[in-house]
Amino acid sequence: MRSTAGSTGRTGTVTLPERGGRVRRFSTAERMVHRATGWLMLLCLVTAACLYLGPIAQLVGRRHLMVTVHEWSGILLPVPLLLGLLSPAFRADLRRLNRFAVYDKRWLRSARRRLTSPEARPAGKFNAGQKLYAGWIAGAVLVMMATGLLMWFMGLLPAVSRTSAIFVHDCLAWAITIVLIGHMRKAYEDPEARLGMRTGYVSRSWAARYHAHWLRDDAAKDESLEVDKK
């Protein structure tokens, strides 16, 4: 396949084009998926608060509107991810998130021991904590959609009571809120990671310190591609 401008490998492979001492971490498609998903998730949580918490519900009012926005923002939540599958870079990162390497196990052991140095927590493009978070939040969204649809269309599964669906939906909503707060806290503590999600680029020194296996693995891939060409 053809190479794109600024890349060193084939189109569809993970490459690291440099720009002023920086490396490409996320493509435009990946950043748009993250941004759209984040806004839809925030809309779900805000409208849920307007429906679930009495003081906020009384302050906002317009319950029917809040219900409609909540339902449709929940239904649309998977759409950015599905559209992102059209991007080779996004599909490549999904494969990375779905695979645990040997160094990921070391990262988890260090996390349990509260060791925070980059040397104690080796990582590829995504560390073990990010991989666990991505898998958990994907599963949680699917369960939330399923229970939400059961509450919306009670005839789908008559054997499941509305009370059971509401209980699971509410408990998981609180769990998602807590996990998302932790996710945003981690992002706030790492300005370089936020910059990578905002612009697509991070400094090579940051990548080498916190995601060393990412640079090594992709350098090895580029070398193998050059050998194949010869």
C-alpha atoms as a PDB file:
ATOM      1  CA  MET A   1       0.000   0.000   0.000  1.00  0.00           C
ATOM      2  CA  ARG A   2       1.097   3.606  -0.494  1.00  0.00           C
ATOM      3  CA  SER A   3       2.822   5.619   2.193  1.00  0.00           C
ATOM      4  CA  THR A   4       1.172   8.817   3.369  1.00  0.00           C
ATOM      5  CA  ALA A   5       2.988  12.101   3.767  1.00  0.00           C
ATOM      6  CA  GLY A   6       5.081  12.193   6.898  1.00  0.00           C
ATOM      7  CA  SER A   7       4.874   8.440   7.516  1.00  0.00           C
ATOM      8  CA  THR A   8       7.593   5.817   7.300  1.00  0.00           C
ATOM      9  CA  GLY A   9       5.411   2.763   6.834  1.00  0.00           C
ATOM     10  CA  ARG A  10       2.483   1.534   4.797  1.00  0.00           C
ATOM     11  CA  THR A  11      -0.908   3.163   5.048  1.00  0.00           C
ATOM     12  CA  GLY A  12      -2.892   1.401   7.775  1.00  0.00           C
ATOM     13  CA  THR A  13       0.140   0.599   9.898  1.00  0.00           C
ATOM     14  CA  VAL A  14       1.020   2.441  13.084  1.00  0.00           C
ATOM     15  CA  THR A  15       3.640   5.066  12.308  1.00  0.00           C
ATOM     16  CA  LEU A  16       5.288   7.850  14.263  1.00  0.00           C
ATOM     17  CA  PRO A  17       5.817  10.915  12.051  1.00  0.00           C
ATOM     18  CA  GLU A  18       7.906  13.514  13.837  1.00  0.00           C
ATOM     19  CA  ARG A  19       7.303  17.250  14.040  1.00  0.00           C
ATOM     20  CA  GLY A  20       9.831  19.390  15.881  1.00  0.00           C
ATOM     21  CA  GLY A  21      10.980  16.706  18.302  1.00  0.00           C
ATOM     22  CA  ARG A  22       7.467  15.383  18.756  1.00  0.00           C
ATOM     23  CA  VAL A  23       5.857  12.120  17.690  1.00  0.00           C
ATOM     24  CA  ARG A  24       2.352  11.430  16.432  1.00  0.00           C
ATOM     25  CA  ARG A  25       0.276   9.696  19.108  1.00  0.00           C
ATOM     26  CA  PHE A  26      -3.295   9.973  17.828  1.00  0.00           C
ATOM     27  CA  SER A  27      -4.790  10.561  14.406  1.00  0.00           C
ATOM     28  CA  THR A  28      -7.529  13.114  13.775  1.00  0.00           C
ATOM     29  CA  ALA A  29     -10.120  10.331  13.594  1.00  0.00           C
ATOM     30  CA  GLU A  30      -9.062   8.937  16.989  1.00  0.00           C
ATOM     31  CA  ARG A  31      -9.252  12.348  18.629  1.00  0.00           C
ATOM     32  CA  MET A  32     -12.678  13.013  17.140  1.00  0.00           C
ATOM     33  CA  VAL A  33     -13.960   9.636  18.389  1.00  0.00           C
ATOM     34  CA  HIS A  34     -12.646  10.378  21.884  1.00  0.00           C
ATOM     35  CA  ARG A  35     -14.125  13.873  21.893  1.00  0.00           C
ATOM     36  CA  ALA A  36     -17.551  12.844  20.576  1.00  0.00           C
ATOM     37  CA  THR A  37     -17.763   9.899  22.965  1.00  0.00           C
ATOM     38  CA  GLY A  38     -16.768  12.114  25.879  1.00  0.00           C
ATOM     39  CA  TRP A  39     -19.433  14.712  25.117  1.00  0.00           C
ATOM     40  CA  LEU A  40     -22.144  12.084  24.690  1.00  0.00           C
ATOM     41  CA  MET A  41     -21.121  10.412  27.959  1.00  0.00           C
ATOM     42  CA  LEU A  42     -21.169  13.771  29.738  1.00  0.00           C
ATOM     43  CA  LEU A  43     -24.612  14.506  28.293  1.00  0.00           C
ATOM     44  CA  CYS A  44     -25.859  11.140  29.558  1.00  0.00           C
ATOM     45  CA  LEU A  45     -24.550  11.789  33.071  1.00  0.00           C
ATOM     46  CA  VAL A  46     -25.827  15.384  33.269  1.00  0.00           C
ATOM     47  CA  THR A  47     -29.330  14.465  32.112  1.00  0.00           C
ATOM     48  CA  ALA A  48     -29.294  11.461  34.450  1.00  0.00           C
ATOM     49  CA  ALA A  49     -28.513  13.803  37.347  1.00  0.00           C
ATOM     50  CA  CYS A  50     -31.428  16.025  36.260  1.00  0.00           C
ATOM     51  CA  LEU A  51     -33.726  12.981  36.436  1.00  0.00           C
ATOM     52  CA  TYR A  52     -32.328  11.160  39.467  1.00  0.00           C
ATOM     53  CA  LEU A  53     -31.332  13.875  41.949  1.00  0.00           C
ATOM     54  CA  GLY A  54     -34.351  15.683  43.394  1.00  0.00           C
ATOM     55  CA  PRO A  55     -32.863  19.179  43.979  1.00  0.00           C
ATOM     56  CA  ILE A  56     -31.363  19.283  40.461  1.00  0.00           C
ATOM     57  CA  ALA A  57     -34.583  17.944  38.942  1.00  0.00           C
ATOM     58  CA  GLN A  58     -36.602  20.700  40.628  1.00  0.00           C
ATOM     59  CA  LEU A  59     -34.095  23.355  39.532  1.00  0.00           C
ATOM     60  CA  VAL A  60     -33.974  22.270  35.880  1.00  0.00           C
ATOM     61  CA  GLY A  61     -37.526  21.020  35.361  1.00  0.00           C
ATOM     62  CA  ARG A  62     -38.553  19.941  31.833  1.00  0.00           C
ATOM     63  CA  ARG A  63     -38.441  16.274  32.772  1.00  0.00           C
ATOM     64  CA  HIS A  64     -39.780  15.068  29.421  1.00  0.00           C
ATOM     65  CA  LEU A  65     -37.014  16.921  27.576  1.00  0.00           C
ATOM     66  CA  MET A  66     -34.357  15.509  29.927  1.00  0.00           C
ATOM     67  CA  VAL A  67     -35.701  11.992  29.407  1.00  0.00           C
ATOM     68  CA  THR A  68     -35.603  12.386  25.616  1.00  0.00           C
ATOM     69  CA  VAL A  69     -32.066  13.801  25.588  1.00  0.00           C
ATOM     70  CA  HIS A  70     -30.872  11.102  27.995  1.00  0.00           C
ATOM     71  CA  GLU A  71     -32.349   8.284  25.919  1.00  0.00           C
ATOM     72  CA  TRP A  72     -30.996   9.473  22.593  1.00  0.00           C
ATOM     73  CA  SER A  73     -27.555  10.413  23.884  1.00  0.00           C
ATOM     74  CA  GLY A  74     -27.316   6.888  25.297  1.00  0.00           C
ATOM     75  CA  ILE A  75     -28.380   5.304  22.012  1.00  0.00           C
ATOM     76  CA  LEU A  76     -25.890   7.443  20.059  1.00  0.00           C
ATOM     77  CA  LEU A  77     -23.004   6.667  22.440  1.00  0.00           C
ATOM     78  CA  PRO A  78     -21.554   3.766  20.385  1.00  0.00           C
ATOM     79  CA  VAL A  79     -21.857   5.666  17.066  1.00  0.00           C
ATOM     80  CA  PRO A  80     -18.484   7.511  17.257  1.00  0.00           C
ATOM     81  CA  LEU A  81     -16.708   4.212  17.936  1.00  0.00           C
ATOM     82  CA  LEU A  82     -18.455   2.488  15.033  1.00  0.00           C
ATOM     83  CA  LEU A  83     -17.528   5.350  12.693  1.00  0.00           C
ATOM     84  CA  GLY A  84     -13.969   5.218  14.047  1.00  0.00           C
ATOM     85  CA  LEU A  85     -13.642   1.667  12.733  1.00  0.00           C
ATOM     86  CA  LEU A  86     -13.272   3.227   9.284  1.00  0.00           C
ATOM     87  CA  SER A  87      -9.875   4.575  10.425  1.00  0.00           C
ATOM     88  CA  PRO A  88      -6.883   2.176  10.187  1.00  0.00           C
ATOM     89  CA  ALA A  89      -5.145   4.021  13.041  1.00  0.00           C
ATOM     90  CA  PHE A  90      -8.188   3.608  15.276  1.00  0.00           C
ATOM     91  CA  ARG A  91      -8.446  -0.102  14.499  1.00  0.00           C
ATOM     92  CA  ALA A  92      -4.739  -0.513  15.251  1.00  0.00           C
ATOM     93  CA  ASP A  93      -5.165   1.110  18.654  1.00  0.00           C
ATOM     94  CA  LEU A  94      -8.164  -1.098  19.424  1.00  0.00           C
ATOM     95  CA  ARG A  95      -5.950  -4.119  18.815  1.00  0.00           C
ATOM     96  CA  ARG A  96      -3.366  -2.671  21.167  1.00  0.00           C
ATOM     97  CA  LEU A  97      -5.953  -2.077  23.864  1.00  0.00           C
ATOM     98  CA  ASN A  98      -7.144  -5.663  23.497  1.00  0.00           C
ATOM     99  CA  ARG A  99      -3.734  -7.254  24.048  1.00  0.00           C
ATOM    100  CA  PHE A 100      -1.804  -7.663  27.288  1.00  0.00           C
ATOM    101  CA  ALA A 101       1.978  -7.926  27.005  1.00  0.00           C
ATOM    102  CA  VAL A 102       4.437  -9.253  29.568  1.00  0.00           C
ATOM    103  CA  TYR A 103       5.344  -5.743  30.671  1.00  0.00           C
ATOM    104  CA  ASP A 104       1.646  -5.008  31.353  1.00  0.00           C
ATOM    105  CA  LYS A 105       1.708  -7.640  34.094  1.00  0.00           C
ATOM    106  CA  ARG A 106       4.707  -5.890  35.594  1.00  0.00           C
ATOM    107  CA  TRP A 107       2.805  -2.582  35.426  1.00  0.00           C
ATOM    108  CA  LEU A 108      -0.077  -4.104  37.406  1.00  0.00           C
ATOM    109  CA  ARG A 109       2.258  -5.575  40.022  1.00  0.00           C
ATOM    110  CA  SER A 110       3.895  -2.179  40.448  1.00  0.00           C
ATOM    111  CA  ALA A 111       0.491  -0.502  40.743  1.00  0.00           C
ATOM    112  CA  ARG A 112      -0.495  -2.904  43.523  1.00  0.00           C
ATOM    113  CA  ARG A 113       2.751  -2.079  45.333  1.00  0.00           C
ATOM    114  CA  ARG A 114       2.151   1.658  44.742  1.00  0.00           C
ATOM    115  CA  LEU A 115       5.386   2.022  42.764  1.00  0.00           C
ATOM    116  CA  THR A 116       4.998   5.080  40.550  1.00  0.00           C
ATOM    117  CA  SER A 117       8.320   5.449  38.731  1.00  0.00           C
ATOM    118  CA  PRO A 118       8.235   4.975  34.930  1.00  0.00           C
ATOM    119  CA  GLU A 119      10.915   2.285  35.263  1.00  0.00           C
ATOM    120  CA  ALA A 120       8.648   0.255  37.544  1.00  0.00           C
ATOM    121  CA  ARG A 121       5.647   0.707  35.235  1.00  0.00           C
ATOM    122  CA  PRO A 122       6.747  -0.105  31.672  1.00  0.00           C
ATOM    123  CA  ALA A 123       4.124   0.446  28.990  1.00  0.00           C
ATOM    124  CA  GLY A 124       3.468   0.332  25.291  1.00  0.00           C
ATOM    125  CA  LYS A 125       1.304   2.970  23.650  1.00  0.00           C
ATOM    126  CA  PHE A 126      -1.270   2.286  26.374  1.00  0.00           C
ATOM    127  CA  ASN A 127      -0.433   1.128  29.876  1.00  0.00           C
ATOM    128  CA  ALA A 128      -2.187  -1.741  31.622  1.00  0.00           C
ATOM    129  CA  GLY A 129      -4.459   0.612  33.568  1.00  0.00           C
ATOM    130  CA  GLN A 130      -5.671   2.276  30.381  1.00  0.00           C
ATOM    131  CA  LYS A 131      -6.340  -1.123  28.813  1.00  0.00           C
ATOM    132  CA  LEU A 132      -8.394  -2.227  31.811  1.00  0.00           C
ATOM    133  CA  TYR A 133     -10.299   1.060  31.819  1.00  0.00           C
ATOM    134  CA  ALA A 134     -11.097   0.808  28.086  1.00  0.00           C
ATOM    135  CA  GLY A 135     -12.389  -2.753  28.441  1.00  0.00           C
ATOM    136  CA  TRP A 136     -14.432  -1.961  31.539  1.00  0.00           C
ATOM    137  CA  ILE A 137     -16.038   1.187  30.143  1.00  0.00           C
ATOM    138  CA  ALA A 138     -16.915  -0.581  26.867  1.00  0.00           C
ATOM    139  CA  GLY A 139     -18.652  -3.376  28.780  1.00  0.00           C
ATOM    140  CA  ALA A 140     -20.378  -0.918  31.100  1.00  0.00           C
ATOM    141  CA  VAL A 141     -21.772   1.074  28.160  1.00  0.00           C
ATOM    142  CA  LEU A 142     -23.206  -2.092  26.609  1.00  0.00           C
ATOM    143  CA  VAL A 143     -24.914  -3.046  29.881  1.00  0.00           C
ATOM    144  CA  MET A 144     -26.248   0.491  30.310  1.00  0.00           C
ATOM    145  CA  MET A 145     -27.680   0.420  26.794  1.00  0.00           C
ATOM    146  CA  ALA A 146     -29.272  -2.989  27.376  1.00  0.00           C
ATOM    147  CA  THR A 147     -30.896  -2.012  30.668  1.00  0.00           C
ATOM    148  CA  GLY A 148     -31.920   1.355  29.259  1.00  0.00           C
ATOM    149  CA  LEU A 149     -33.676  -0.301  26.325  1.00  0.00           C
ATOM    150  CA  LEU A 150     -35.409  -2.701  28.735  1.00  0.00           C
ATOM    151  CA  MET A 151     -36.698   0.296  30.687  1.00  0.00           C
ATOM    152  CA  TRP A 152     -37.747   2.047  27.490  1.00  0.00           C
ATOM    153  CA  PHE A 153     -39.375  -0.968  25.820  1.00  0.00           C
ATOM    154  CA  MET A 154     -40.632  -3.249  28.570  1.00  0.00           C
ATOM    155  CA  GLY A 155     -41.962  -5.778  26.059  1.00  0.00           C
ATOM    156  CA  LEU A 156     -38.469  -6.748  24.861  1.00  0.00           C
ATOM    157  CA  LEU A 157     -37.872  -9.256  27.674  1.00  0.00           C
ATOM    158  CA  PRO A 158     -41.048  -9.794  29.712  1.00  0.00           C
ATOM    159  CA  ALA A 159     -39.177 -12.104  32.108  1.00  0.00           C
ATOM    160  CA  VAL A 160     -36.995  -9.199  33.281  1.00  0.00           C
ATOM    161  CA  SER A 161     -38.791  -6.823  35.626  1.00  0.00           C
ATOM    162  CA  ARG A 162     -38.521  -3.070  35.250  1.00  0.00           C
ATOM    163  CA  THR A 163     -37.311  -2.868  38.850  1.00  0.00           C
ATOM    164  CA  SER A 164     -34.347  -5.144  38.096  1.00  0.00           C
ATOM    165  CA  ALA A 165     -33.377  -3.127  35.021  1.00  0.00           C
ATOM    166  CA  ILE A 166     -33.611   0.150  36.969  1.00  0.00           C
ATOM    167  CA  PHE A 167     -31.506  -1.254  39.821  1.00  0.00           C
ATOM    168  CA  VAL A 168     -28.690  -2.408  37.517  1.00  0.00           C
ATOM    169  CA  HIS A 169     -28.873   0.799  35.467  1.00  0.00           C
ATOM    170  CA  ASP A 170     -28.667   3.069  38.517  1.00  0.00           C
ATOM    171  CA  CYS A 171     -25.867   1.132  40.255  1.00  0.00           C
ATOM    172  CA  LEU A 172     -23.774   1.022  37.095  1.00  0.00           C
ATOM    173  CA  ALA A 173     -24.380   4.718  36.465  1.00  0.00           C
ATOM    174  CA  TRP A 174     -22.815   5.533  39.842  1.00  0.00           C
ATOM    175  CA  ALA A 175     -19.896   3.203  39.093  1.00  0.00           C
ATOM    176  CA  ILE A 176     -19.317   4.867  35.700  1.00  0.00           C
ATOM    177  CA  THR A 177     -19.415   8.308  37.322  1.00  0.00           C
ATOM    178  CA  ILE A 178     -16.754   7.331  39.868  1.00  0.00           C
ATOM    179  CA  VAL A 179     -14.530   5.706  37.235  1.00  0.00           C
ATOM    180  CA  LEU A 180     -14.854   8.692  34.884  1.00  0.00           C
ATOM    181  CA  ILE A 181     -13.882  11.082  37.680  1.00  0.00           C
ATOM    182  CA  GLY A 182     -10.775   8.944  38.224  1.00  0.00           C
ATOM    183  CA  HIS A 183     -10.065   8.997  34.491  1.00  0.00           C
ATOM    184  CA  MET A 184     -10.337  12.793  34.321  1.00  0.00           C
ATOM    185  CA  ARG A 185      -8.183  13.138  37.444  1.00  0.00           C
ATOM    186  CA  LYS A 186      -5.433  11.074  35.834  1.00  0.00           C
ATOM    187  CA  ALA A 187      -5.672  13.163  32.664  1.00  0.00           C
ATOM    188  CA  TYR A 188      -5.485  16.385  34.684  1.00  0.00           C
ATOM    189  CA  GLU A 189      -2.286  15.152  36.336  1.00  0.00           C
ATOM    190  CA  ASP A 190      -0.591  14.553  32.956  1.00  0.00           C
ATOM    191  CA  PRO A 191      -0.591  17.694  30.746  1.00  0.00           C
ATOM    192  CA  GLU A 192       1.441  15.920  28.046  1.00  0.00           C
ATOM    193  CA  ALA A 193      -1.179  13.185  27.705  1.00  0.00           C
ATOM    194  CA  ARG A 194      -3.885  15.856  27.347  1.00  0.00           C
ATOM    195  CA  LEU A 195      -1.779  17.612  24.726  1.00  0.00           C
ATOM    196  CA  GLY A 196      -1.517  14.363  22.777  1.00  0.00           C
ATOM    197  CA  MET A 197      -5.283  13.970  22.765  1.00  0.00           C
ATOM    198  CA  ARG A 198      -5.794  17.632  21.866  1.00  0.00           C
ATOM    199  CA  THR A 199      -3.178  18.023  19.102  1.00  0.00           C
ATOM    200  CA  GLY A 200      -2.262  14.424  18.238  1.00  0.00           C
ATOM    201  CA  TYR A 201       1.415  14.930  19.125  1.00  0.00           C
ATOM    202  CA  VAL A 202       3.523  14.344  22.254  1.00  0.00           C
ATOM    203  CA  SER A 203       7.158  15.008  23.023  1.00  0.00           C
ATOM    204  CA  ARG A 204       9.565  12.200  22.221  1.00  0.00           C
ATOM    205  CA  SER A 205      11.095  12.494  25.707  1.00  0.00           C
ATOM    206  CA  TRP A 206       7.682  11.918  27.344  1.00  0.00           C
ATOM    207  CA  ALA A 207       6.960   8.957  25.089  1.00  0.00           C
ATOM    208  CA  ALA A 208      10.374   7.451  25.795  1.00  0.00           C
ATOM    209  CA  ARG A 209       9.924   7.869  29.552  1.00  0.00           C
ATOM    210  CA  TYR A 210       6.350   6.670  30.033  1.00  0.00           C
ATOM    211  CA  HIS A 211       5.670   4.561  26.899  1.00  0.00           C
ATOM    212  CA  ALA A 212       9.091   3.249  25.936  1.00  0.00           C
ATOM    213  CA  HIS A 213       7.817  -0.016  24.450  1.00  0.00           C
ATOM    214  CA  TRP A 214       5.625   1.974  22.067  1.00  0.00           C
ATOM    215  CA  LEU A 215       8.670   3.620  20.472  1.00  0.00           C
ATOM    216  CA  ARG A 216      10.711   0.417  20.485  1.00  0.00           C
ATOM    217  CA  ASP A 217       7.975  -1.732  18.967  1.00  0.00           C
ATOM    218  CA  ASP A 218       7.230   0.725  16.191  1.00  0.00           C
ATOM    219  CA  ALA A 219      10.929   1.264  15.472  1.00  0.00           C
ATOM    220  CA  ALA A 220      11.279  -2.506  15.116  1.00  0.00           C
ATOM    221  CA  LYS A 221       8.287  -2.606  12.747  1.00  0.00           C
ATOM    222  CA  ASP A 222       9.769   0.137  10.594  1.00  0.00           C
ATOM    223  CA  GLU A 223      13.090  -1.716  10.424  1.00  0.00           C
ATOM    224  CA  SER A 224      11.363  -4.940   9.370  1.00  0.00           C
ATOM    225  CA  LEU A 225       9.463  -3.058   6.670  1.00  0.00           C
ATOM    226  CA  GLU A 226      12.711  -1.619   5.322  1.00  0.00           C
ATOM    227  CA  VAL A 227      14.240  -5.108   5.254  1.00  0.00           C
ATOM    228  CA  ASP A 228      11.193  -6.469   3.390  1.00  0.00           C
ATOM    229  CA  LYS A 229      11.474  -3.714   0.791  1.00  0.00           C
ATOM    230  CA  LYS A 230      15.106  -4.606   0.154  1.00  0.00           C
END
